[in-house]
């Protein structure tokens, strides 16, 4: 199962990690059916993204990807901590989350999606889990391994929830501020990626003992891992910034149009930001 132990291409089954995913998917589809019966169905593209996120998690957890080398392990964590959370969060809506948000304990945790909370938590999680003592503990112990994955996914989900704003965020955190937030996130991954690319010596002793494909040295394996991290981060950043830039332009035009009709500026800002401009009086 563990990358440092072999280079076998075997599929694995870890109930500790897969069962929560199955339960989450079941709850999502059950709630979506309830909303459909009430006449407020979930958009198909949200279904697709949520399903894609679940699929990415499953592939990351059961496929041989984590047995091929250090660069594969980094790609594995990018799936769990970045791409899968992005897809799953994008598949959510306020109505889908309403039963969970009705719980007092969950409402008390909503502050975790504040940009001044989610960004430091994400960065702390990223750098702390890459410390040799924790990284190697996760390779040796299944329980720590599961905790590592939960931490990566949770931090990634909170980070993306802040940007996508399934739930309303601070009034000042508009589309322009979100672009800066995304840049800050990618600066973090770029720093860590460069550390691995240019270190020259392996950080993790277990990888030095592992069998690696293609005859790679431990240092080369680590360098490729850092490169994978930076390439993935660059591609996601370009996509996210392009989406936010187009959204910024669209919001600006719509906001100006509504303001020219004499509508309340604050109401216009909120309505445009959350895609509810048609709910304003006199809006198309």
Protein backbone atom coordinates (compact mmCIF):
# COMPACT_ATOMS: atom_id res chain seq x y z
CA UNK A 1 0.00 0.00 0.00
CA UNK A 2 2.74 2.44 0.92
CA UNK A 3 4.86 4.07 -1.71
CA UNK A 4 8.05 3.62 0.27
CA UNK A 5 7.53 -0.09 0.63
CA UNK A 6 7.27 -1.18 -2.98
CA UNK A 7 6.80 -0.18 -6.57
CA UNK A 8 4.02 -2.69 -7.18
CA UNK A 9 1.08 -1.59 -9.25
CA UNK A 10 -1.69 -2.99 -7.05
CA UNK A 11 -5.12 -1.69 -6.19
CA UNK A 12 -5.94 -1.24 -2.53
CA UNK A 13 -9.06 -0.92 -0.41
CA UNK A 14 -8.98 1.24 2.72
CA UNK A 15 -12.44 1.30 4.38
CA UNK A 16 -11.32 4.01 6.79
CA UNK A 17 -11.06 6.39 3.82
CA UNK A 18 -13.52 5.00 1.28
CA UNK A 19 -16.58 4.58 3.52
CA UNK A 20 -16.88 8.33 4.33
CA UNK A 21 -16.67 9.11 0.61
CA UNK A 22 -19.48 6.66 -0.15
CA UNK A 23 -21.62 8.10 2.65
CA UNK A 24 -21.02 11.66 1.42
CA UNK A 25 -21.97 10.73 -2.14
CA UNK A 26 -25.12 8.96 -0.94
CA UNK A 27 -26.21 11.98 1.13
CA UNK A 28 -25.56 14.32 -1.81
CA UNK A 29 -27.67 12.35 -4.25
CA UNK A 30 -30.42 11.80 -1.69
CA UNK A 31 -30.65 15.54 -0.96
CA UNK A 32 -30.51 16.35 -4.69
CA UNK A 33 -33.49 14.07 -5.33
CA UNK A 34 -35.40 15.79 -2.53
CA UNK A 35 -34.74 19.20 -4.07
CA UNK A 36 -35.80 17.92 -7.50
CA UNK A 37 -39.12 16.74 -6.07
CA UNK A 38 -39.62 20.22 -4.59
CA UNK A 39 -39.09 21.83 -8.00
CA UNK A 40 -35.58 23.17 -7.36
CA UNK A 41 -33.33 20.61 -9.06
CA UNK A 42 -29.56 20.75 -8.91
CA UNK A 43 -27.99 21.86 -12.19
CA UNK A 44 -26.57 19.01 -14.24
CA UNK A 45 -23.15 20.60 -14.39
CA UNK A 46 -23.01 20.55 -10.59
CA UNK A 47 -23.90 16.85 -10.62
CA UNK A 48 -21.07 16.28 -13.08
CA UNK A 49 -18.46 18.20 -11.08
CA UNK A 50 -19.43 16.57 -7.79
CA UNK A 51 -19.30 13.11 -9.39
CA UNK A 52 -15.94 13.93 -10.96
CA UNK A 53 -14.60 14.97 -7.56
CA UNK A 54 -15.79 11.72 -6.00
CA UNK A 55 -14.21 9.80 -8.87
CA UNK A 56 -10.88 11.58 -8.39
CA UNK A 57 -10.90 10.71 -4.69
CA UNK A 58 -11.61 7.07 -5.38
CA UNK A 59 -8.89 6.86 -8.03
CA UNK A 60 -6.42 8.50 -5.65
CA UNK A 61 -7.27 6.12 -2.81
CA UNK A 62 -7.58 2.74 -4.51
CA UNK A 63 -5.53 2.91 -7.72
CA UNK A 64 -1.79 2.07 -7.96
CA UNK A 65 -0.91 5.77 -8.28
CA UNK A 66 0.62 5.90 -4.80
CA UNK A 67 2.98 2.99 -5.47
CA UNK A 68 4.92 4.33 -8.43
CA UNK A 69 7.35 6.77 -6.86
CA UNK A 70 7.58 10.04 -4.97
CA UNK A 71 6.35 12.10 -7.91
CA UNK A 72 3.25 9.87 -8.07
CA UNK A 73 2.69 10.40 -4.34
CA UNK A 74 2.73 14.16 -4.87
CA UNK A 75 0.29 13.82 -7.76
CA UNK A 76 -1.84 11.69 -5.47
CA UNK A 77 -1.99 14.46 -2.87
CA UNK A 78 -2.79 17.04 -5.54
CA UNK A 79 -5.85 14.97 -6.42
CA UNK A 80 -6.91 14.64 -2.79
CA UNK A 81 -6.06 18.17 -1.67
CA UNK A 82 -6.73 20.33 -4.73
CA UNK A 83 -8.58 18.94 -7.75
CA UNK A 84 -11.08 16.70 -5.95
CA UNK A 85 -12.05 19.39 -3.38
CA UNK A 86 -12.41 21.94 -6.20
CA UNK A 87 -14.83 19.70 -8.12
CA UNK A 88 -16.81 18.68 -5.04
CA UNK A 89 -17.17 22.22 -3.69
CA UNK A 90 -18.19 23.49 -7.14
CA UNK A 91 -20.93 20.84 -7.13
CA UNK A 92 -22.48 22.17 -3.92
CA UNK A 93 -25.17 24.80 -3.35
CA UNK A 94 -26.72 26.45 -0.33
CA UNK A 95 -29.94 24.41 -0.62
CA UNK A 96 -27.94 21.18 -0.82
CA UNK A 97 -26.11 22.08 2.38
CA UNK A 98 -29.13 23.40 4.30
CA UNK A 99 -29.73 20.24 6.40
CA UNK A 100 -26.09 20.19 7.48
CA UNK A 101 -25.98 23.93 8.10
CA UNK A 102 -29.00 23.63 10.38
CA UNK A 103 -26.77 21.83 12.88
CA UNK A 104 -25.47 24.21 15.52
CA UNK A 105 -21.99 22.67 15.56
CA UNK A 106 -21.66 23.14 11.79
CA UNK A 107 -22.90 26.75 11.92
CA UNK A 108 -20.25 27.46 14.52
CA UNK A 109 -17.57 26.32 12.07
CA UNK A 110 -18.59 28.59 9.21
CA UNK A 111 -15.81 31.00 10.19
CA UNK A 112 -13.36 28.47 8.72
CA UNK A 113 -14.26 29.69 5.21
CA UNK A 114 -13.28 33.28 6.02
CA UNK A 115 -10.29 34.14 3.77
CA UNK A 116 -8.17 35.18 6.76
CA UNK A 117 -8.78 31.75 8.29
CA UNK A 118 -8.93 29.35 5.35
CA UNK A 119 -5.74 30.61 3.67
CA UNK A 120 -3.47 30.26 6.73
CA UNK A 121 -5.02 26.88 7.54
CA UNK A 122 -4.42 25.68 4.00
CA UNK A 123 -0.80 26.88 4.01
CA UNK A 124 -0.09 25.43 7.46
CA UNK A 125 -1.55 22.09 6.45
CA UNK A 126 0.48 22.01 3.22
CA UNK A 127 3.84 22.75 4.80
CA UNK A 128 3.41 20.82 8.07
CA UNK A 129 2.44 17.55 6.37
CA UNK A 130 5.52 17.80 4.14
CA UNK A 131 7.82 17.81 7.16
CA UNK A 132 9.81 14.55 7.06
CA UNK A 133 8.62 13.34 10.47
CA UNK A 134 4.92 13.56 9.51
CA UNK A 135 5.33 12.51 5.87
CA UNK A 136 7.19 9.34 6.86
CA UNK A 137 4.76 8.63 9.72
CA UNK A 138 1.96 8.67 7.14
CA UNK A 139 3.89 6.18 5.02
CA UNK A 140 4.37 3.85 7.97
CA UNK A 141 0.98 3.97 9.69
CA UNK A 142 -2.41 3.57 8.05
CA UNK A 143 -4.23 5.72 10.64
CA UNK A 144 -1.81 8.63 10.12
CA UNK A 145 -2.09 8.07 6.38
CA UNK A 146 -5.87 8.45 6.60
CA UNK A 147 -5.53 11.55 8.82
CA UNK A 148 -3.15 13.08 6.27
CA UNK A 149 -5.66 12.57 3.46
CA UNK A 150 -8.53 13.99 5.52
CA UNK A 151 -6.39 17.01 6.35
CA UNK A 152 -5.41 17.62 2.73
CA UNK A 153 -8.99 17.28 1.53
CA UNK A 154 -10.48 19.44 4.30
CA UNK A 155 -7.95 22.24 3.85
CA UNK A 156 -8.46 22.15 0.09
CA UNK A 157 -12.24 22.18 0.42
CA UNK A 158 -12.16 25.16 2.78
CA UNK A 159 -9.78 27.01 0.48
CA UNK A 160 -11.98 26.49 -2.58
CA UNK A 161 -15.19 27.13 -0.63
CA UNK A 162 -13.79 30.57 0.18
CA UNK A 163 -13.28 31.31 -3.52
CA UNK A 164 -16.43 29.70 -4.94
CA UNK A 165 -18.56 31.05 -2.08
CA UNK A 166 -21.17 28.36 -1.72
CA UNK A 167 -22.01 30.34 1.41
CA UNK A 168 -21.75 34.17 1.53
CA UNK A 169 -18.36 35.53 2.54
CA UNK A 170 -17.26 38.96 3.79
CA UNK A 171 -18.65 41.88 1.83
CA UNK A 172 -15.17 43.10 0.88
CA UNK A 173 -14.13 39.72 -0.55
CA UNK A 174 -15.35 40.25 -4.09
CA UNK A 175 -14.08 38.84 -7.36
CA UNK A 176 -10.99 41.05 -7.45
CA UNK A 177 -9.98 40.02 -3.92
CA UNK A 178 -10.50 36.37 -4.86
CA UNK A 179 -7.99 36.74 -7.67
CA UNK A 180 -5.42 37.91 -5.14
CA UNK A 181 -6.35 35.00 -2.88
CA UNK A 182 -5.73 32.48 -5.68
CA UNK A 183 -2.35 34.07 -6.42
CA UNK A 184 -1.42 33.77 -2.72
CA UNK A 185 -2.37 30.09 -2.72
CA UNK A 186 -0.23 29.38 -5.75
CA UNK A 187 2.72 31.26 -4.35
CA UNK A 188 2.62 28.76 -1.48
CA UNK A 189 2.68 25.71 -3.76
CA UNK A 190 5.37 27.30 -5.95
CA UNK A 191 7.62 27.87 -2.95
CA UNK A 192 7.25 24.28 -1.78
CA UNK A 193 7.63 22.92 -5.30
CA UNK A 194 10.86 24.87 -5.82
CA UNK A 195 12.24 23.56 -2.54
CA UNK A 196 11.85 19.99 -3.81
CA UNK A 197 13.09 20.77 -7.30
CA UNK A 198 16.29 22.48 -6.20
CA UNK A 199 17.08 20.72 -2.92
CA UNK A 200 19.50 18.27 -4.54
CA UNK A 201 19.26 15.81 -1.63
CA UNK A 202 16.24 13.73 -0.61
CA UNK A 203 14.16 14.95 2.32
CA UNK A 204 12.54 11.60 3.09
CA UNK A 205 14.68 8.65 4.14
CA UNK A 206 12.01 6.08 3.27
CA UNK A 207 12.11 7.17 -0.38
CA UNK A 208 15.85 6.50 -0.50
CA UNK A 209 15.13 2.87 0.44
CA UNK A 210 12.20 2.44 -1.94
CA UNK A 211 12.23 0.79 -5.33
CA UNK A 212 11.48 3.38 -7.98
CA UNK A 213 10.40 2.90 -11.60
CA UNK A 214 12.54 3.90 -14.57
CA UNK A 215 15.74 3.76 -12.52
CA UNK A 216 15.22 7.21 -10.98
CA UNK A 217 17.40 8.30 -8.08
CA UNK A 218 15.73 9.54 -4.92
CA UNK A 219 16.84 13.12 -5.67
CA UNK A 220 15.51 12.98 -9.24
CA UNK A 221 12.26 11.49 -8.03
CA UNK A 222 11.90 14.34 -5.53
CA UNK A 223 12.70 16.95 -8.17
CA UNK A 224 10.05 15.57 -10.51
CA UNK A 225 7.58 15.62 -7.60
CA UNK A 226 8.21 19.33 -7.08
CA UNK A 227 7.80 19.93 -10.80
CA UNK A 228 4.48 18.07 -10.83
CA UNK A 229 3.27 20.27 -7.98
CA UNK A 230 4.21 23.49 -9.80
CA UNK A 231 2.78 22.43 -13.17
CA UNK A 232 -0.54 21.40 -11.66
CA UNK A 233 -0.68 24.60 -9.63
CA UNK A 234 0.06 26.73 -12.69
CA UNK A 235 -2.66 25.10 -14.79
CA UNK A 236 -5.29 25.40 -12.07
CA UNK A 237 -4.27 28.99 -11.38
CA UNK A 238 -4.57 29.97 -15.04
CA UNK A 239 -8.02 28.39 -15.21
CA UNK A 240 -9.21 29.96 -11.95
CA UNK A 241 -7.90 33.43 -12.82
CA UNK A 242 -9.42 33.28 -16.31
CA UNK A 243 -12.80 32.36 -14.80
CA UNK A 244 -12.57 35.13 -12.22
CA UNK A 245 -11.45 37.69 -14.82
CA UNK A 246 -14.42 36.92 -17.07
CA UNK A 247 -16.71 37.02 -14.08
CA UNK A 248 -15.27 40.38 -13.01
CA UNK A 249 -15.97 41.88 -16.43
CA UNK A 250 -19.49 40.46 -16.53
CA UNK A 251 -20.27 41.69 -13.03
CA UNK A 252 -19.01 45.17 -13.84
CA UNK A 253 -21.32 45.53 -16.83
CA UNK A 254 -24.36 44.17 -15.01
CA UNK A 255 -23.71 46.25 -11.90
CA UNK A 256 -23.44 49.44 -13.94
CA UNK A 257 -26.66 48.63 -15.78
CA UNK A 258 -28.58 48.10 -12.53
CA UNK A 259 -27.12 51.18 -10.85
CA UNK A 260 -28.25 53.30 -13.79
CA UNK A 261 -31.79 52.19 -12.99
CA UNK A 262 -31.52 53.85 -9.59
CA UNK A 263 -31.39 50.65 -7.51
CA UNK A 264 -29.74 50.54 -4.10
CA UNK A 265 -25.95 50.18 -4.62
CA UNK A 266 -25.42 47.69 -1.79
CA UNK A 267 -28.31 45.51 -2.93
CA UNK A 268 -26.97 45.63 -6.47
CA UNK A 269 -23.49 44.56 -5.36
CA UNK A 270 -24.80 41.56 -3.43
CA UNK A 271 -27.27 40.52 -6.10
CA UNK A 272 -24.67 40.65 -8.87
CA UNK A 273 -22.06 38.88 -6.76
CA UNK A 274 -24.33 35.91 -6.01
CA UNK A 275 -26.02 35.70 -9.40
CA UNK A 276 -29.37 37.03 -8.20
CA UNK A 277 -29.64 40.19 -10.26
CA UNK A 278 -32.95 39.03 -11.74
CA UNK A 279 -34.48 39.10 -8.26
CA UNK A 280 -34.05 42.86 -7.99
CA UNK A 281 -37.04 45.01 -8.76
CA UNK A 282 -37.00 46.05 -12.41
CA UNK A 283 -34.11 43.71 -13.31
CA UNK A 284 -34.53 41.57 -16.41
